[in-house]
Amino acid sequence: MSFYAIIRFAVVGSMVLPAHQALAQGEIEPVNYLPNPYETVRDWGTLPDGREWGSVSGNHIDIDGRHVWAADRCGANSCAGSNVDPIVKLDPMGNTVTSFGAGMFIWPHGMHVDAEGNIWVTDAREATADELSEFPDAAGKGHTVVKFSPEGEVLLTLGTPGVAGDPPEYLTEPNDVITAPNGDIFVAEAHTGQNLQEATPGTVARIVKYSSDGTYLKSWGTWGDGPGEFKTPHALAFDSQGRLFVADRGNFRIQIFDQEGEFLDEWHQFGRISGFHIEPDDTLYAIDSESSEQRGNPGWRKGIRIGSASTGEVWYFIPEHMSDRPSGGSGYGHAGEGITVDMDGNIYAGEVGGITGLTKYIPRLLP
C-alpha cells in the first residue's frame, strides 16, 4: 500500500531538520495531529463459546495475510486458574477457527508468526503470591517463549517454566519474540524496568539471540538510557534491510540495531511504543498505549503513529479512544499494545486494561 509522506519539520536555530533528527535534540513538539484516514471498529472478533475477551497485548497476522492470531489473557488480565484456550485464530470476519494453549500460560504477552506459519508466544511473568494461594496449579509456569505449530503442537520452549534467570537456561519476563529470515530467534526482556529510577542488582533489560534450533548465541543490553541500554524493551520488528527495531518503552524511543547487536540509531517521534509492525515496504505502525505526563512523556497523546521505517517520517496519527479507565495506568484515553496489519491494510490492535479484546481500524481515505 502506498502512502503520501507528510513530512513534519522543526526549526532549530536557523536550520530546518526532519522531525526525527530534531526530536533527538529535544526541539520538536509532540507528534499528535497528523491526518487520521481510518475508521475505528471496537470489539472486533468473537471468542469460542462467546466468552468475554481479556487483555490482549500479543497479536499477529497469519502467513495467509488475512487470518488474525491473538493471545487473550483468558477473559481477564491473567490466565492463572483458567482452563480456556488463550491462543486463538480468527478468520477475516472475526470468527474463531482455531484455539489452543489451555493451562500453559500465566501472562501471554508477545506474539510472532514466522515464515512457516508457526506461532510464537511469550509468557512474561510467573504467578503472583496471591494467584498461587488461590490457584496452586499456577506454579511452574511463566518466563518462557513457546513455539507452536499452527495446530497447537509445542515445537520448542525457550527458558525454564516458572523460573526467572539468565540465558541459556532461563529467561526473565520475556516481552516479545521475533525470528529473522535465516531463522535466528530474538527475545526482548524484561517487563518491570521501565519505571525504576535506578537499576536493582537483579534488573534485566536485554535482547537475547538464539539460533533457529534454540541454541543460545549472545545477548546485549543493560538497564539505562544510553545507546544499547533499555528500560523495558517491549516489542521487536525487522525492517526490509534486516535491521532490528526495539520499542524501548521506558525511554520513549525506538532503538535500531544490526542482528549482531550493533547500535545504529534511535528515534523518538513515534511516542512511547508498546508494539509495532513493519510491512515489507517499510511502512511502520507503532502503537502508543502509555504516553502521559505521569509517565514522563508530557504533551504526547496515546494512539497509533504510522510512517516509514526507512526514513523515520511520521505520516498519520490515529488518536486514542475513550475509556472509563485510561490505558497505561495514567493520562487520558486508551490505546492498545499489540498491533498487526493484514494484506488489505486493516490494522488490528490488542487492548489491555480498561478496554479489552481487539480493535480493527479500516483504511477509508488513504490515497
Protein backbone atom coordinates (compact mmCIF):
# COMPACT_ATOMS: atom_id res chain seq x y z
CA MET A 1 0.00 0.00 0.00
CA SER A 2 1.34 3.41 -0.90
CA PHE A 3 1.13 6.49 1.29
CA TYR A 4 1.80 10.19 0.89
CA ALA A 5 4.61 11.09 3.23
CA ILE A 6 3.50 14.14 5.20
CA ILE A 7 6.84 15.39 6.45
CA ARG A 8 6.95 17.43 9.63
CA PHE A 9 9.82 19.82 10.28
CA ALA A 10 11.14 21.62 13.31
CA VAL A 11 13.18 24.80 13.33
CA VAL A 12 16.43 24.58 15.29
CA GLY A 13 18.12 27.97 15.20
CA SER A 14 18.32 28.80 11.52
CA MET A 15 18.28 25.14 10.46
CA VAL A 16 15.29 23.10 9.31
CA LEU A 17 15.59 19.44 10.28
CA PRO A 18 13.43 16.39 9.59
CA ALA A 19 11.26 15.64 12.60
CA HIS A 20 13.16 12.61 13.87
CA GLN A 21 16.53 14.43 13.81
CA ALA A 22 15.18 17.48 15.59
CA LEU A 23 13.37 15.41 18.22
CA ALA A 24 16.63 13.69 19.19
CA GLN A 25 17.87 17.17 20.09
CA GLY A 26 14.74 17.84 22.18
CA GLU A 27 13.47 20.58 19.87
CA ILE A 28 10.22 19.19 18.46
CA GLU A 29 6.64 19.28 19.63
CA PRO A 30 4.78 16.00 20.17
CA VAL A 31 3.50 14.32 17.00
CA ASN A 32 -0.23 14.34 17.77
CA TYR A 33 -2.21 15.98 15.00
CA LEU A 34 -1.48 14.31 11.68
CA PRO A 35 -4.37 13.11 9.47
CA ASN A 36 -6.37 10.05 10.55
CA PRO A 37 -7.74 8.25 7.48
CA TYR A 38 -9.05 5.21 9.42
CA GLU A 39 -12.46 4.12 10.70
CA THR A 40 -12.37 2.59 14.18
CA VAL A 41 -14.31 -0.64 14.85
CA ARG A 42 -14.30 -1.61 18.53
CA ASP A 43 -14.95 -5.11 19.91
CA TRP A 44 -13.89 -6.94 16.76
CA GLY A 45 -13.79 -10.74 16.88
CA THR A 46 -15.67 -13.48 18.72
CA LEU A 47 -14.08 -15.99 21.10
CA PRO A 48 -15.08 -19.68 21.45
CA ASP A 49 -18.44 -20.21 23.18
CA GLY A 50 -18.99 -16.44 23.12
CA ARG A 51 -16.77 -15.90 26.15
CA GLU A 52 -15.55 -12.43 27.02
CA TRP A 53 -12.20 -11.08 25.88
CA GLY A 54 -9.47 -10.28 28.37
CA SER A 55 -6.34 -8.21 27.81
CA VAL A 56 -4.55 -8.79 24.50
CA SER A 57 -1.00 -7.47 24.19
CA GLY A 58 0.06 -10.03 21.58
CA ASN A 59 -1.42 -10.41 18.10
CA HIS A 60 -0.08 -11.13 14.61
CA ILE A 61 -1.44 -11.65 11.12
CA ASP A 62 -1.24 -15.19 9.71
CA ILE A 63 1.01 -16.01 6.77
CA ASP A 64 -2.09 -16.02 4.54
CA GLY A 65 -2.35 -12.26 5.16
CA ARG A 66 -5.98 -12.45 6.27
CA HIS A 67 -6.46 -14.53 9.41
CA VAL A 68 -5.55 -12.95 12.75
CA TRP A 69 -3.82 -14.66 15.67
CA ALA A 70 -4.29 -13.23 19.16
CA ALA A 71 -3.20 -14.14 22.70
CA ASP A 72 -6.09 -13.47 25.08
CA ARG A 73 -5.38 -13.40 28.82
CA CYS A 74 -8.22 -15.84 29.46
CA GLY A 75 -11.01 -13.29 29.82
CA ALA A 76 -9.09 -11.28 32.42
CA ASN A 77 -5.54 -9.97 32.79
CA SER A 78 -4.11 -13.33 33.83
CA CYS A 79 -4.60 -16.98 32.89
CA ALA A 80 -3.89 -18.27 36.41
CA GLY A 81 -6.61 -20.78 37.31
CA SER A 82 -8.18 -20.69 33.85
CA ASN A 83 -8.85 -23.68 31.57
CA VAL A 84 -9.74 -21.74 28.41
CA ASP A 85 -7.57 -21.58 25.29
CA PRO A 86 -5.70 -18.25 25.26
CA ILE A 87 -4.27 -18.62 21.74
CA VAL A 88 -6.94 -18.03 19.09
CA LYS A 89 -7.02 -17.72 15.31
CA LEU A 90 -9.80 -15.62 13.79
CA ASP A 91 -11.00 -15.52 10.19
CA PRO A 92 -11.43 -12.21 8.33
CA MET A 93 -14.98 -11.93 9.69
CA GLY A 94 -13.76 -12.27 13.27
CA ASN A 95 -14.88 -15.85 13.92
CA THR A 96 -12.57 -18.15 15.88
CA VAL A 97 -11.42 -21.06 13.73
CA THR A 98 -8.63 -22.50 15.94
CA SER A 99 -7.68 -22.23 19.60
CA PHE A 100 -5.19 -23.91 21.92
CA GLY A 101 -2.84 -23.40 24.87
CA ALA A 102 -5.18 -24.01 27.82
CA GLY A 103 -3.35 -24.31 31.14
CA MET A 104 0.05 -23.40 29.68
CA PHE A 105 0.36 -19.66 30.39
CA ILE A 106 0.14 -17.11 33.18
CA TRP A 107 0.53 -13.83 31.25
CA PRO A 108 0.70 -14.26 27.46
CA HIS A 109 2.35 -11.10 26.22
CA GLY A 110 4.14 -11.07 22.85
CA MET A 111 3.26 -12.98 19.68
CA HIS A 112 5.01 -13.67 16.38
CA VAL A 113 4.08 -15.75 13.33
CA ASP A 114 7.17 -16.94 11.49
CA ALA A 115 7.69 -17.52 7.76
CA GLU A 116 6.49 -21.13 8.05
CA GLY A 117 3.30 -20.17 9.86
CA ASN A 118 4.41 -21.29 13.33
CA ILE A 119 3.12 -19.24 16.27
CA TRP A 120 5.49 -17.96 18.97
CA VAL A 121 4.11 -16.67 22.29
CA THR A 122 5.93 -15.20 25.29
CA ASP A 123 4.78 -15.73 28.87
CA ALA A 124 6.06 -12.60 30.58
CA ARG A 125 5.76 -13.42 34.28
CA GLU A 126 5.22 -16.16 36.82
CA ALA A 127 2.19 -16.38 39.11
CA THR A 128 1.97 -13.90 41.95
CA ALA A 129 1.74 -14.97 45.59
CA ASP A 130 -1.99 -14.22 45.60
CA GLU A 131 -2.53 -16.23 42.43
CA LEU A 132 -0.59 -19.18 43.84
CA SER A 133 -2.60 -19.06 47.03
CA GLU A 134 -5.85 -19.27 45.09
CA PHE A 135 -4.60 -21.47 42.22
CA PRO A 136 -1.72 -23.74 43.34
CA ASP A 137 -1.51 -25.33 39.88
CA ALA A 138 -0.32 -21.96 38.51
CA ALA A 139 3.16 -22.83 39.83
CA GLY A 140 5.80 -23.80 37.29
CA LYS A 141 4.58 -21.50 34.52
CA GLY A 142 5.89 -18.25 33.04
CA HIS A 143 9.23 -16.73 31.94
CA THR A 144 9.17 -18.73 28.70
CA VAL A 145 8.84 -18.44 24.94
CA VAL A 146 6.82 -21.23 23.31
CA LYS A 147 6.82 -22.10 19.61
CA PHE A 148 3.65 -23.81 18.36
CA SER A 149 2.71 -25.37 15.06
CA PRO A 150 -0.42 -23.85 13.51
CA GLU A 151 -2.33 -26.78 15.02
CA GLY A 152 -1.06 -26.08 18.54
CA GLU A 153 1.72 -28.67 18.85
CA VAL A 154 4.61 -27.43 21.01
CA LEU A 155 7.75 -27.39 18.85
CA LEU A 156 10.22 -25.52 21.08
CA THR A 157 10.38 -23.91 24.51
CA LEU A 158 12.96 -21.28 25.49
CA GLY A 159 13.52 -20.70 29.20
CA THR A 160 12.58 -22.78 32.22
CA PRO A 161 8.88 -22.56 33.13
CA GLY A 162 8.27 -20.67 36.35
CA VAL A 163 11.91 -19.70 36.94
CA ALA A 164 13.43 -16.30 36.13
CA GLY A 165 17.11 -16.01 35.35
CA ASP A 166 19.74 -15.63 32.67
CA PRO A 167 20.13 -17.49 29.38
CA PRO A 168 20.85 -20.00 28.11
CA GLU A 169 18.82 -21.96 30.68
CA TYR A 170 16.48 -19.19 31.84
CA LEU A 171 14.64 -16.09 30.70
CA THR A 172 13.25 -13.20 32.75
CA GLU A 173 9.88 -11.68 31.83
CA PRO A 174 10.17 -12.09 28.06
CA ASN A 175 8.11 -9.38 26.40
CA ASP A 176 8.37 -10.26 22.72
CA VAL A 177 9.95 -12.67 20.26
CA ILE A 178 10.74 -12.48 16.55
CA THR A 179 12.58 -14.64 14.01
CA ALA A 180 14.95 -13.38 11.32
CA PRO A 181 14.77 -14.59 7.71
CA ASN A 182 17.56 -17.12 8.44
CA GLY A 183 15.61 -18.48 11.42
CA ASP A 184 17.60 -16.83 14.22
CA ILE A 185 15.42 -16.03 17.23
CA PHE A 186 15.43 -12.74 19.14
CA VAL A 187 13.78 -12.28 22.54
CA ALA A 188 13.26 -8.99 24.42
CA GLU A 189 13.48 -8.97 28.26
CA ALA A 190 12.20 -7.76 30.78
CA HIS A 191 8.95 -6.02 31.70
CA THR A 192 9.48 -4.37 35.08
CA GLY A 193 12.38 -1.98 34.42
CA GLN A 194 10.53 0.91 32.80
CA ASN A 195 9.53 2.81 35.93
CA LEU A 196 12.68 2.35 38.01
CA GLN A 197 14.74 5.38 38.98
CA GLU A 198 17.84 3.21 39.17
CA ALA A 199 18.61 -0.41 38.47
CA THR A 200 18.49 -3.02 41.22
CA PRO A 201 21.02 -5.88 41.23
CA GLY A 202 18.53 -8.17 39.51
CA THR A 203 17.18 -5.71 36.94
CA VAL A 204 17.16 -7.21 33.43
CA ALA A 205 16.98 -5.16 30.22
CA ARG A 206 18.35 -7.03 27.21
CA ILE A 207 17.93 -8.71 23.84
CA VAL A 208 18.77 -12.42 23.61
CA LYS A 209 19.69 -14.12 20.35
CA TYR A 210 19.35 -17.85 19.61
CA SER A 211 19.89 -19.97 16.53
CA SER A 212 16.85 -21.48 14.86
CA ASP A 213 17.09 -24.65 16.96
CA GLY A 214 17.16 -22.71 20.22
CA THR A 215 20.91 -22.71 20.80
CA TYR A 216 21.94 -19.62 22.76
CA LEU A 217 24.20 -17.30 20.74
CA LYS A 218 24.53 -13.99 22.56
CA SER A 219 22.74 -11.19 24.41
CA TRP A 220 23.17 -7.45 24.74
CA GLY A 221 21.78 -4.58 26.76
CA THR A 222 21.57 -3.39 30.34
CA TRP A 223 19.20 -1.06 32.20
CA GLY A 224 19.71 2.61 31.34
CA ASP A 225 19.03 5.30 28.75
CA GLY A 226 22.22 5.28 26.67
CA PRO A 227 22.70 3.65 23.27
CA GLY A 228 22.13 -0.09 23.63
CA GLU A 229 20.58 0.30 27.08
CA PHE A 230 16.89 -0.25 27.77
CA LYS A 231 14.04 0.50 30.13
CA THR A 232 11.72 -2.33 29.11
CA PRO A 233 12.35 -3.45 25.52
CA HIS A 234 8.67 -4.13 24.91
CA ALA A 235 8.38 -5.11 21.23
CA LEU A 236 10.51 -6.19 18.26
CA ALA A 237 10.29 -5.82 14.46
CA PHE A 238 12.55 -6.14 11.40
CA ASP A 239 12.63 -3.71 8.50
CA SER A 240 13.35 -4.63 4.88
CA GLN A 241 17.09 -4.19 5.47
CA GLY A 242 17.07 -6.74 8.29
CA ARG A 243 17.61 -4.10 10.96
CA LEU A 244 16.14 -4.97 14.35
CA PHE A 245 13.77 -2.33 15.75
CA VAL A 246 13.27 -2.39 19.52
CA ALA A 247 10.45 -0.50 21.26
CA ASP A 248 12.37 0.84 24.27
CA ARG A 249 9.17 1.87 26.01
CA GLY A 250 10.51 3.35 29.24
CA ASN A 251 12.87 5.58 27.25
CA PHE A 252 10.14 6.80 24.83
CA ARG A 253 12.07 5.65 21.79
CA ILE A 254 12.83 3.09 19.13
CA GLN A 255 16.37 1.75 19.09
CA ILE A 256 17.69 0.21 15.86
CA PHE A 257 20.39 -2.47 15.74
CA ASP A 258 22.00 -4.82 13.30
CA GLN A 259 21.46 -8.51 14.03
CA GLU A 260 24.71 -8.74 16.00
CA GLY A 261 23.55 -6.07 18.44
CA GLU A 262 25.48 -3.13 17.00
CA PHE A 263 23.62 0.11 17.76
CA LEU A 264 22.64 2.02 14.62
CA ASP A 265 20.14 4.74 15.53
CA GLU A 266 17.37 5.88 17.88
CA TRP A 267 14.06 7.60 17.10
CA HIS A 268 11.64 9.35 19.45
CA GLN A 269 8.98 10.60 17.06
CA PHE A 270 6.69 7.56 17.32
CA GLY A 271 5.99 8.06 21.04
CA ARG A 272 6.08 5.67 24.00
CA ILE A 273 5.69 2.50 21.99
CA SER A 274 4.14 -0.71 23.30
CA GLY A 275 4.03 -2.55 19.97
CA PHE A 276 4.78 -2.16 16.31
CA HIS A 277 4.51 -3.79 12.92
CA ILE A 278 6.66 -3.16 9.83
CA GLU A 279 5.39 -4.07 6.37
CA PRO A 280 7.70 -5.33 3.58
CA ASP A 281 7.53 -1.83 2.02
CA ASP A 282 8.83 -0.42 5.35
CA THR A 283 5.55 1.15 6.42
CA LEU A 284 5.83 1.32 10.21
CA TYR A 285 2.79 1.07 12.50
CA ALA A 286 3.58 2.00 16.13
CA ILE A 287 1.04 1.90 18.95
CA ASP A 288 1.46 4.13 22.00
CA SER A 289 -0.62 2.98 24.97
CA GLU A 290 1.10 4.90 27.78
CA SER A 291 2.08 8.45 26.87
CA SER A 292 1.10 10.87 29.63
CA GLU A 293 2.62 13.47 31.91
CA GLN A 294 2.67 10.93 34.73
CA ARG A 295 4.69 8.56 32.56
CA GLY A 296 7.25 11.26 31.82
CA ASN A 297 6.12 11.98 28.27
CA PRO A 298 4.09 15.20 28.68
CA GLY A 299 2.21 16.57 25.69
CA TRP A 300 2.15 13.29 23.78
CA ARG A 301 -1.16 11.58 23.08
CA LYS A 302 -1.80 7.87 23.04
CA GLY A 303 -2.68 6.31 19.72
CA ILE A 304 -1.17 4.82 16.56
CA ARG A 305 1.50 6.63 14.53
CA ILE A 306 2.11 5.42 11.01
CA GLY A 307 5.17 6.31 8.98
CA SER A 308 8.36 5.00 7.39
CA ALA A 309 10.87 2.59 8.90
CA SER A 310 13.24 3.71 6.17
CA THR A 311 13.24 7.49 6.73
CA GLY A 312 11.64 7.88 10.16
CA GLU A 313 8.93 10.17 8.83
CA VAL A 314 5.53 10.06 10.54
CA TRP A 315 2.57 10.34 8.17
CA TYR A 316 -0.64 9.61 10.08
CA PHE A 317 -1.95 9.56 13.64
CA ILE A 318 -4.95 7.58 14.91
CA PRO A 319 -5.87 9.07 18.29
CA GLU A 320 -6.80 7.22 21.45
CA HIS A 321 -10.37 6.15 22.15
CA MET A 322 -12.36 6.90 25.25
CA SER A 323 -12.49 4.66 28.30
CA ASP A 324 -13.50 4.93 31.94
CA ARG A 325 -10.00 3.87 32.90
CA PRO A 326 -7.00 5.09 30.85
CA SER A 327 -4.53 2.65 29.37
CA GLY A 328 -1.05 2.61 30.83
CA GLY A 329 -2.38 3.46 34.28
CA SER A 330 -2.47 7.22 33.77
CA GLY A 331 -3.22 10.09 31.42
CA TYR A 332 -6.16 10.41 29.06
CA GLY A 333 -7.96 7.85 26.93
CA HIS A 334 -7.00 4.39 25.78
CA ALA A 335 -4.85 2.78 23.10
CA GLY A 336 -3.80 -0.83 22.72
CA GLU A 337 -0.43 -2.60 22.98
CA GLY A 338 -0.36 -5.27 20.30
CA ILE A 339 -0.63 -4.30 16.63
CA THR A 340 -0.70 -6.14 13.32
CA VAL A 341 -1.82 -5.39 9.74
CA ASP A 342 -3.48 -7.59 7.13
CA MET A 343 -2.90 -7.67 3.39
CA ASP A 344 -5.66 -5.09 2.79
CA GLY A 345 -4.14 -2.55 5.17
CA ASN A 346 -6.59 -3.16 8.02
CA ILE A 347 -4.98 -2.63 11.43
CA TYR A 348 -5.77 -4.87 14.41
CA ALA A 349 -4.88 -3.60 17.89
CA GLY A 350 -4.81 -5.72 21.03
CA GLU A 351 -6.30 -3.87 24.01
CA VAL A 352 -5.05 -4.08 27.61
CA GLY A 353 -6.61 -2.72 30.81
CA GLY A 354 -9.80 -0.65 30.84
CA ILE A 355 -10.67 -1.80 27.32
CA THR A 356 -10.01 -5.41 26.30
CA GLY A 357 -10.15 -7.56 23.18
CA LEU A 358 -9.38 -6.36 19.67
CA THR A 359 -9.98 -3.12 17.78
CA LYS A 360 -9.97 -3.00 13.97
CA TYR A 361 -9.01 0.12 12.02
CA ILE A 362 -10.21 0.19 8.42
CA PRO A 363 -8.47 2.50 5.90
CA ARG A 364 -11.14 4.71 4.31
CA LEU A 365 -9.37 7.81 3.00
CA LEU A 366 -5.88 6.63 2.09
CA PRO A 367 -4.57 7.73 -1.32
